[in-house]
C-alpha atoms as a PDB file:
ATOM      1  CA  UNK A   1       9.796   5.765 -20.923  1.00  0.00           C
ATOM      2  CA  UNK A   2       9.068   2.344 -19.534  1.00  0.00           C
ATOM      3  CA  UNK A   3       5.559   0.934 -19.919  1.00  0.00           C
ATOM      4  CA  UNK A   4       3.715  -0.380 -16.861  1.00  0.00           C
ATOM      5  CA  UNK A   5       3.926  -4.088 -16.144  1.00  0.00           C
ATOM      6  CA  UNK A   6       0.626  -5.923 -15.842  1.00  0.00           C
ATOM      7  CA  UNK A   7       1.048  -9.396 -14.356  1.00  0.00           C
ATOM      8  CA  UNK A   8      -1.471 -12.211 -14.831  1.00  0.00           C
ATOM      9  CA  UNK A   9      -2.109 -14.481 -11.839  1.00  0.00           C
ATOM     10  CA  UNK A  10      -2.828 -17.957 -13.235  1.00  0.00           C
ATOM     11  CA  UNK A  11      -3.657 -19.374  -9.788  1.00  0.00           C
ATOM     12  CA  UNK A  12      -6.426 -16.772  -9.259  1.00  0.00           C
ATOM     13  CA  UNK A  13      -7.764 -15.234 -12.456  1.00  0.00           C
ATOM     14  CA  UNK A  14      -9.839 -12.733 -10.446  1.00  0.00           C
ATOM     15  CA  UNK A  15      -6.677 -10.952  -9.289  1.00  0.00           C
ATOM     16  CA  UNK A  16      -4.928  -8.338 -11.418  1.00  0.00           C
ATOM     17  CA  UNK A  17      -1.518  -6.905 -10.563  1.00  0.00           C
ATOM     18  CA  UNK A  18       0.207  -3.886 -12.092  1.00  0.00           C
ATOM     19  CA  UNK A  19       3.498  -2.126 -11.480  1.00  0.00           C
ATOM     20  CA  UNK A  20       4.013   1.402 -12.773  1.00  0.00           C
ATOM     21  CA  UNK A  21       6.858   3.869 -12.793  1.00  0.00           C
ATOM     22  CA  UNK A  22       6.827   7.619 -12.371  1.00  0.00           C
ATOM     23  CA  UNK A  23       7.710   8.066 -16.022  1.00  0.00           C
ATOM     24  CA  UNK A  24       5.234   5.487 -17.339  1.00  0.00           C
ATOM     25  CA  UNK A  25       3.112   7.462 -19.780  1.00  0.00           C
ATOM     26  CA  UNK A  26       0.526   4.683 -20.109  1.00  0.00           C
ATOM     27  CA  UNK A  27      -0.095   4.906 -16.357  1.00  0.00           C
ATOM     28  CA  UNK A  28      -0.168   8.699 -16.320  1.00  0.00           C
ATOM     29  CA  UNK A  29       3.040   9.439 -14.394  1.00  0.00           C
ATOM     30  CA  UNK A  30       3.307  10.566 -10.760  1.00  0.00           C
ATOM     31  CA  UNK A  31       0.613   9.089  -8.485  1.00  0.00           C
ATOM     32  CA  UNK A  32       1.779  10.549  -5.149  1.00  0.00           C
ATOM     33  CA  UNK A  33      -0.297  13.239  -3.447  1.00  0.00           C
ATOM     34  CA  UNK A  34       2.682  14.008  -1.195  1.00  0.00           C
ATOM     35  CA  UNK A  35       5.726  14.184  -3.472  1.00  0.00           C
ATOM     36  CA  UNK A  36       6.075  15.321  -7.058  1.00  0.00           C
ATOM     37  CA  UNK A  37       3.638  17.142  -9.229  1.00  0.00           C
ATOM     38  CA  UNK A  38       1.455  16.910 -12.256  1.00  0.00           C
ATOM     39  CA  UNK A  39      -2.166  15.878 -12.503  1.00  0.00           C
ATOM     40  CA  UNK A  40      -2.056  13.196  -9.787  1.00  0.00           C
ATOM     41  CA  UNK A  41      -5.797  12.502  -9.864  1.00  0.00           C
ATOM     42  CA  UNK A  42      -5.704  11.828 -13.606  1.00  0.00           C
ATOM     43  CA  UNK A  43      -2.554   9.748 -13.151  1.00  0.00           C
ATOM     44  CA  UNK A  44      -4.190   7.676 -10.384  1.00  0.00           C
ATOM     45  CA  UNK A  45      -7.182   7.040 -12.620  1.00  0.00           C
ATOM     46  CA  UNK A  46      -4.873   5.789 -15.380  1.00  0.00           C
ATOM     47  CA  UNK A  47      -2.859   3.630 -12.974  1.00  0.00           C
ATOM     48  CA  UNK A  48      -5.854   2.024 -11.268  1.00  0.00           C
ATOM     49  CA  UNK A  49      -7.409   1.483 -14.686  1.00  0.00           C
ATOM     50  CA  UNK A  50      -4.568  -0.939 -15.458  1.00  0.00           C
ATOM     51  CA  UNK A  51      -6.201  -3.412 -13.056  1.00  0.00           C
ATOM     52  CA  UNK A  52      -9.773  -2.568 -14.079  1.00  0.00           C
ATOM     53  CA  UNK A  53     -10.443  -0.312 -11.093  1.00  0.00           C
ATOM     54  CA  UNK A  54     -10.877   3.381 -10.396  1.00  0.00           C
ATOM     55  CA  UNK A  55      -9.454   5.498  -7.563  1.00  0.00           C
ATOM     56  CA  UNK A  56     -12.855   5.336  -5.836  1.00  0.00           C
ATOM     57  CA  UNK A  57     -12.495   1.531  -5.661  1.00  0.00           C
ATOM     58  CA  UNK A  58      -8.907   1.689  -4.404  1.00  0.00           C
ATOM     59  CA  UNK A  59      -7.568   1.869  -0.855  1.00  0.00           C
ATOM     60  CA  UNK A  60      -4.421   3.962  -0.315  1.00  0.00           C
ATOM     61  CA  UNK A  61      -2.300   3.943   2.837  1.00  0.00           C
ATOM     62  CA  UNK A  62      -0.308   6.651   4.627  1.00  0.00           C
ATOM     63  CA  UNK A  63       2.918   4.661   4.593  1.00  0.00           C
ATOM     64  CA  UNK A  64       5.294   5.282   7.511  1.00  0.00           C
ATOM     65  CA  UNK A  65       8.196   2.847   6.954  1.00  0.00           C
ATOM     66  CA  UNK A  66       6.967   0.641   9.784  1.00  0.00           C
ATOM     67  CA  UNK A  67       5.523  -2.786  10.390  1.00  0.00           C
ATOM     68  CA  UNK A  68       1.784  -2.271  10.846  1.00  0.00           C
ATOM     69  CA  UNK A  69      -0.845  -3.955   8.673  1.00  0.00           C
ATOM     70  CA  UNK A  70      -4.508  -2.992   8.102  1.00  0.00           C
ATOM     71  CA  UNK A  71      -7.240  -5.357   6.967  1.00  0.00           C
ATOM     72  CA  UNK A  72      -9.564  -3.383   4.673  1.00  0.00           C
ATOM     73  CA  UNK A  73     -12.764  -4.021   2.778  1.00  0.00           C
ATOM     74  CA  UNK A  74     -15.494  -2.493   0.651  1.00  0.00           C
ATOM     75  CA  UNK A  75     -16.238   0.214   3.244  1.00  0.00           C
ATOM     76  CA  UNK A  76     -12.658   1.487   2.821  1.00  0.00           C
ATOM     77  CA  UNK A  77     -12.749   1.896  -0.977  1.00  0.00           C
ATOM     78  CA  UNK A  78     -11.653   5.376  -2.016  1.00  0.00           C
ATOM     79  CA  UNK A  79      -9.717   6.086   1.200  1.00  0.00           C
ATOM     80  CA  UNK A  80      -6.822   8.377   0.359  1.00  0.00           C
ATOM     81  CA  UNK A  81      -7.689   8.536  -3.336  1.00  0.00           C
ATOM     82  CA  UNK A  82      -8.042  12.338  -3.403  1.00  0.00           C
ATOM     83  CA  UNK A  83      -6.749  13.355   0.029  1.00  0.00           C
ATOM     84  CA  UNK A  84      -3.661  11.830   1.657  1.00  0.00           C
ATOM     85  CA  UNK A  85      -5.044  12.730   5.108  1.00  0.00           C
ATOM     86  CA  UNK A  86      -7.898  10.245   4.502  1.00  0.00           C
ATOM     87  CA  UNK A  87      -5.629   7.309   3.604  1.00  0.00           C
ATOM     88  CA  UNK A  88      -5.395   4.385   6.038  1.00  0.00           C
ATOM     89  CA  UNK A  89      -3.017   5.891   8.637  1.00  0.00           C
ATOM     90  CA  UNK A  90       0.225   4.502  10.007  1.00  0.00           C
ATOM     91  CA  UNK A  91       0.499   1.263   8.051  1.00  0.00           C
ATOM     92  CA  UNK A  92       2.811  -0.213   5.465  1.00  0.00           C
ATOM     93  CA  UNK A  93       0.633  -3.103   4.371  1.00  0.00           C
ATOM     94  CA  UNK A  94      -2.973  -3.568   3.343  1.00  0.00           C
ATOM     95  CA  UNK A  95      -4.837  -6.873   3.150  1.00  0.00           C
ATOM     96  CA  UNK A  96      -8.289  -7.603   1.762  1.00  0.00           C
ATOM     97  CA  UNK A  97     -10.431 -10.692   1.324  1.00  0.00           C
ATOM     98  CA  UNK A  98     -13.244  -8.774  -0.344  1.00  0.00           C
ATOM     99  CA  UNK A  99     -13.794  -8.721  -4.101  1.00  0.00           C
ATOM    100  CA  UNK A 100     -13.855  -5.396  -5.933  1.00  0.00           C
ATOM    101  CA  UNK A 101     -11.351  -3.712  -3.601  1.00  0.00           C
ATOM    102  CA  UNK A 102      -8.102  -2.477  -5.160  1.00  0.00           C
ATOM    103  CA  UNK A 103      -5.039  -1.952  -2.972  1.00  0.00           C
ATOM    104  CA  UNK A 104      -2.328   0.612  -3.732  1.00  0.00           C
ATOM    105  CA  UNK A 105       1.251   0.723  -2.536  1.00  0.00           C
ATOM    106  CA  UNK A 106       3.580   3.563  -3.557  1.00  0.00           C
ATOM    107  CA  UNK A 107       7.339   3.151  -3.595  1.00  0.00           C
ATOM    108  CA  UNK A 108      10.388   5.140  -4.630  1.00  0.00           C
ATOM    109  CA  UNK A 109      13.473   3.460  -3.186  1.00  0.00           C
ATOM    110  CA  UNK A 110      11.530   0.874  -1.146  1.00  0.00           C
ATOM    111  CA  UNK A 111      10.172  -2.387  -2.494  1.00  0.00           C
ATOM    112  CA  UNK A 112       6.477  -2.877  -3.322  1.00  0.00           C
ATOM    113  CA  UNK A 113       5.476  -6.451  -2.492  1.00  0.00           C
ATOM    114  CA  UNK A 114       2.214  -7.769  -3.906  1.00  0.00           C
ATOM    115  CA  UNK A 115       0.902 -10.980  -2.354  1.00  0.00           C
ATOM    116  CA  UNK A 116      -1.835 -13.338  -3.516  1.00  0.00           C
ATOM    117  CA  UNK A 117      -3.432 -16.125  -1.485  1.00  0.00           C
ATOM    118  CA  UNK A 118      -5.399 -17.747  -4.341  1.00  0.00           C
ATOM    119  CA  UNK A 119      -9.128 -17.733  -3.718  1.00  0.00           C
ATOM    120  CA  UNK A 120      -8.681 -16.096  -0.317  1.00  0.00           C
ATOM    121  CA  UNK A 121      -7.246 -12.599  -0.565  1.00  0.00           C
ATOM    122  CA  UNK A 122      -4.494 -10.199  -1.567  1.00  0.00           C
ATOM    123  CA  UNK A 123      -2.008  -7.923   0.132  1.00  0.00           C
ATOM    124  CA  UNK A 124       0.089  -4.903  -0.792  1.00  0.00           C
ATOM    125  CA  UNK A 125       3.231  -4.241   1.250  1.00  0.00           C
ATOM    126  CA  UNK A 126       5.552  -1.222   1.322  1.00  0.00           C
ATOM    127  CA  UNK A 127       8.841  -2.863   2.331  1.00  0.00           C
ATOM    128  CA  UNK A 128      11.566  -0.424   3.263  1.00  0.00           C
ATOM    129  CA  UNK A 129      14.543  -1.259   5.472  1.00  0.00           C
ATOM    130  CA  UNK A 130      12.783  -0.325   8.729  1.00  0.00           C
ATOM    131  CA  UNK A 131       9.587  -2.092   7.697  1.00  0.00           C
ATOM    132  CA  UNK A 132      11.448  -5.279   6.819  1.00  0.00           C
ATOM    133  CA  UNK A 133      13.214  -5.173  10.193  1.00  0.00           C
ATOM    134  CA  UNK A 134       9.791  -4.598  11.839  1.00  0.00           C
ATOM    135  CA  UNK A 135       8.451  -7.678  10.019  1.00  0.00           C
ATOM    136  CA  UNK A 136       5.847  -5.964   7.825  1.00  0.00           C
ATOM    137  CA  UNK A 137       5.810  -8.711   5.177  1.00  0.00           C
ATOM    138  CA  UNK A 138       5.506 -11.493   7.754  1.00  0.00           C
ATOM    139  CA  UNK A 139       2.753  -9.632   9.630  1.00  0.00           C
ATOM    140  CA  UNK A 140       0.670  -9.423   6.471  1.00  0.00           C
ATOM    141  CA  UNK A 141       0.630 -13.229   6.432  1.00  0.00           C
ATOM    142  CA  UNK A 142      -0.949 -13.321   9.895  1.00  0.00           C
ATOM    143  CA  UNK A 143      -3.377 -10.399   9.432  1.00  0.00           C
ATOM    144  CA  UNK A 144      -6.078 -12.494   7.795  1.00  0.00           C
ATOM    145  CA  UNK A 145      -6.168 -14.989  10.657  1.00  0.00           C
ATOM    146  CA  UNK A 146      -6.303 -12.213  13.259  1.00  0.00           C
ATOM    147  CA  UNK A 147      -9.344 -10.462  11.796  1.00  0.00           C
ATOM    148  CA  UNK A 148     -12.321 -11.027  14.131  1.00  0.00           C
ATOM    149  CA  UNK A 149     -15.004 -13.181  12.534  1.00  0.00           C
ATOM    150  CA  UNK A 150     -12.946 -13.828   9.404  1.00  0.00           C
ATOM    151  CA  UNK A 151     -14.151 -16.761   7.358  1.00  0.00           C
ATOM    152  CA  UNK A 152     -11.045 -18.629   6.321  1.00  0.00           C
ATOM    153  CA  UNK A 153     -12.793 -20.402   3.444  1.00  0.00           C
ATOM    154  CA  UNK A 154     -12.233 -19.857  -0.229  1.00  0.00           C
ATOM    155  CA  UNK A 155     -14.160 -17.295  -2.278  1.00  0.00           C
ATOM    156  CA  UNK A 156     -16.544 -18.529  -4.925  1.00  0.00           C
ATOM    157  CA  UNK A 157     -15.190 -18.627  -8.441  1.00  0.00           C
ATOM    158  CA  UNK A 158     -15.393 -15.360 -10.354  1.00  0.00           C
ATOM    159  CA  UNK A 159     -14.793 -12.977  -7.450  1.00  0.00           C
ATOM    160  CA  UNK A 160     -12.578 -10.041  -8.397  1.00  0.00           C
ATOM    161  CA  UNK A 161      -9.911  -8.847  -6.050  1.00  0.00           C
ATOM    162  CA  UNK A 162      -7.810  -6.109  -7.534  1.00  0.00           C
ATOM    163  CA  UNK A 163      -4.338  -5.091  -6.563  1.00  0.00           C
ATOM    164  CA  UNK A 164      -2.125  -2.243  -7.737  1.00  0.00           C
END
């Protein structure tokens, strides 16, 4: 079994990144509510715990192998944690500027891309072939600027933005 990889972010110490595998015992194993089996809720708790979060603080997306991006915040915490039908629908990238919000991206043969804009926000991208062609990673870059009323300033020191 391979252990999960927890990555420090020296440019923004409030951000925590973790990569798990289906067979990673320390992260609990399978975290998909759609494919696989096992105790997914327990596994999600173990996986989100790697970044100091819980499933109720994490936003999950209903990934569709496309190019759409959703900007999420504190009001979205827990979406999709226990019920896939409640995940953010029809997107392959999540972006947040709010502290205390963990983002989850699930991948099998696609590439999970975790992005950090130090002091400003984080993004989680599910980059499959169709999503890359649709520009999902590039759209994440523009999502922050497109959010109505978004303050483009830096966060105060000590804010926690979590990313899985």
